[in-house]
Amino acid sequence: MRGEDSFVRAQWAGRPFVWQIYRQDDDAHLGKLDAFVDRYCADLAEPAASALRQLFLAWNTGSDCAAAWADFLAHYDAIARHAAAWNAALREQRDLATNLVNFCAEQV
């Protein structure tokens, strides 16, 4: 999936996905990719987290993806469970407007 809207929809789907981040000069996009993968994989056990990270990196650097795909597929069940759990955690979050109102109320 590619693009911000698709990126969000992929997470809302609660299923495994591969993010093709928009390329930026000086590979600035890779830092953003790493930051997301760090957060997304924080609760994903190794070696599934490593498999996901390697696939995202290979996909976004133009590297040979064959080994990364194989490793990703070998850990697909764990990655799928994680995607569903990530989705559930996102659904439990309050919306931005509510959070902003609560934040402002706490500042007064």
Protein backbone atom coordinates (compact mmCIF):
# COMPACT_ATOMS: atom_id res chain seq x y z
CA MET A 1 0.00 0.00 0.00
CA ARG A 2 1.16 3.51 -0.71
CA GLY A 3 0.12 6.98 0.37
CA GLU A 4 -1.02 8.33 3.72
CA ASP A 5 -4.70 7.47 3.28
CA SER A 6 -3.88 3.93 2.20
CA PHE A 7 -1.38 3.64 5.04
CA VAL A 8 -4.08 4.43 7.59
CA ARG A 9 -6.64 2.19 5.90
CA ALA A 10 -4.18 -0.69 5.90
CA GLN A 11 -3.77 -0.38 9.66
CA TRP A 12 -7.53 -0.13 10.15
CA ALA A 13 -7.98 -3.35 8.17
CA GLY A 14 -6.18 -5.27 10.91
CA ARG A 15 -4.32 -7.43 8.41
CA PRO A 16 -0.65 -7.69 7.48
CA PHE A 17 0.53 -5.13 4.94
CA VAL A 18 3.67 -3.78 3.29
CA TRP A 19 4.16 -0.01 3.30
CA GLN A 20 5.74 1.52 0.24
CA ILE A 21 6.65 4.91 1.66
CA TYR A 22 7.09 7.85 -0.69
CA ARG A 23 10.77 8.30 -1.49
CA GLN A 24 12.47 11.51 -0.40
CA ASP A 25 15.81 13.10 -1.19
CA ASP A 26 18.76 11.82 0.80
CA ASP A 27 16.69 8.76 1.82
CA ALA A 28 14.90 10.82 4.47
CA HIS A 29 11.92 8.47 4.07
CA LEU A 30 13.92 5.59 5.54
CA GLY A 31 14.11 7.32 8.93
CA LYS A 32 10.33 7.67 8.91
CA LEU A 33 9.97 4.05 7.90
CA ASP A 34 12.27 2.96 10.75
CA ALA A 35 10.35 5.09 13.25
CA PHE A 36 7.04 3.53 12.25
CA VAL A 37 8.42 -0.01 12.25
CA ASP A 38 9.97 0.55 15.70
CA ARG A 39 6.61 1.60 17.08
CA TYR A 40 4.57 -0.95 15.15
CA CYS A 41 6.83 -3.84 16.16
CA ALA A 42 7.27 -2.83 19.80
CA ASP A 43 4.88 -5.59 20.92
CA LEU A 44 5.73 -8.06 18.15
CA ALA A 45 8.02 -10.86 19.24
CA GLU A 46 11.24 -11.69 17.46
CA PRO A 47 11.84 -13.16 14.92
CA ALA A 48 8.51 -12.00 13.43
CA ALA A 49 9.43 -8.34 14.07
CA SER A 50 12.72 -8.81 12.27
CA ALA A 51 10.96 -10.47 9.33
CA LEU A 52 8.54 -7.58 8.99
CA ARG A 53 11.33 -4.99 9.31
CA GLN A 54 13.47 -6.71 6.68
CA LEU A 55 10.59 -6.89 4.20
CA PHE A 56 9.66 -3.23 4.65
CA LEU A 57 13.32 -2.24 4.25
CA ALA A 58 13.94 -4.45 1.20
CA TRP A 59 10.73 -3.25 -0.44
CA ASN A 60 11.62 0.40 0.07
CA THR A 61 15.29 0.24 -0.89
CA GLY A 62 14.89 -1.75 -4.07
CA SER A 63 16.75 -4.70 -2.61
CA ASP A 64 16.03 -8.28 -3.57
CA CYS A 65 12.85 -9.13 -1.66
CA ALA A 66 12.80 -12.91 -2.19
CA ALA A 67 14.41 -13.87 1.12
CA ALA A 68 12.53 -11.14 3.00
CA TRP A 69 9.19 -12.34 1.57
CA ALA A 70 9.99 -15.92 2.52
CA ASP A 71 10.84 -14.90 6.08
CA PHE A 72 7.73 -12.71 6.31
CA LEU A 73 5.55 -15.59 5.12
CA ALA A 74 7.22 -17.97 7.57
CA HIS A 75 6.04 -15.66 10.39
CA TYR A 76 2.77 -14.66 8.78
CA ASP A 77 0.52 -16.06 11.52
CA ALA A 78 2.30 -14.07 14.25
CA ILE A 79 2.32 -10.95 12.07
CA ALA A 80 -1.40 -11.39 11.34
CA ARG A 81 -2.22 -11.70 15.05
CA HIS A 82 -0.15 -8.60 15.71
CA ALA A 83 -1.91 -6.64 12.95
CA ALA A 84 -5.29 -7.50 14.50
CA ALA A 85 -4.06 -6.48 17.98
CA TRP A 86 -2.62 -3.20 16.60
CA ASN A 87 -6.00 -2.51 14.98
CA ALA A 88 -7.81 -3.19 18.24
CA ALA A 89 -5.49 -0.80 20.10
CA LEU A 90 -6.12 1.90 17.50
CA ARG A 91 -9.88 1.48 17.86
CA GLU A 92 -9.60 1.99 21.62
CA GLN A 93 -8.01 5.41 21.21
CA ARG A 94 -10.21 8.45 21.59
CA ASP A 95 -10.55 10.80 18.64
CA LEU A 96 -8.35 13.86 18.19
CA ALA A 97 -11.10 16.37 19.02
CA THR A 98 -11.91 14.66 22.33
CA ASN A 99 -8.24 14.44 23.25
CA LEU A 100 -7.75 18.13 22.43
CA VAL A 101 -10.76 19.19 24.51
CA ASN A 102 -9.55 17.10 27.45
CA PHE A 103 -6.02 18.48 27.14
CA CYS A 104 -7.30 22.08 27.12
CA ALA A 105 -9.57 21.40 30.10
CA GLU A 106 -6.59 20.07 32.06
CA GLN A 107 -4.59 23.23 31.31
CA VAL A 108 -7.18 25.56 32.86
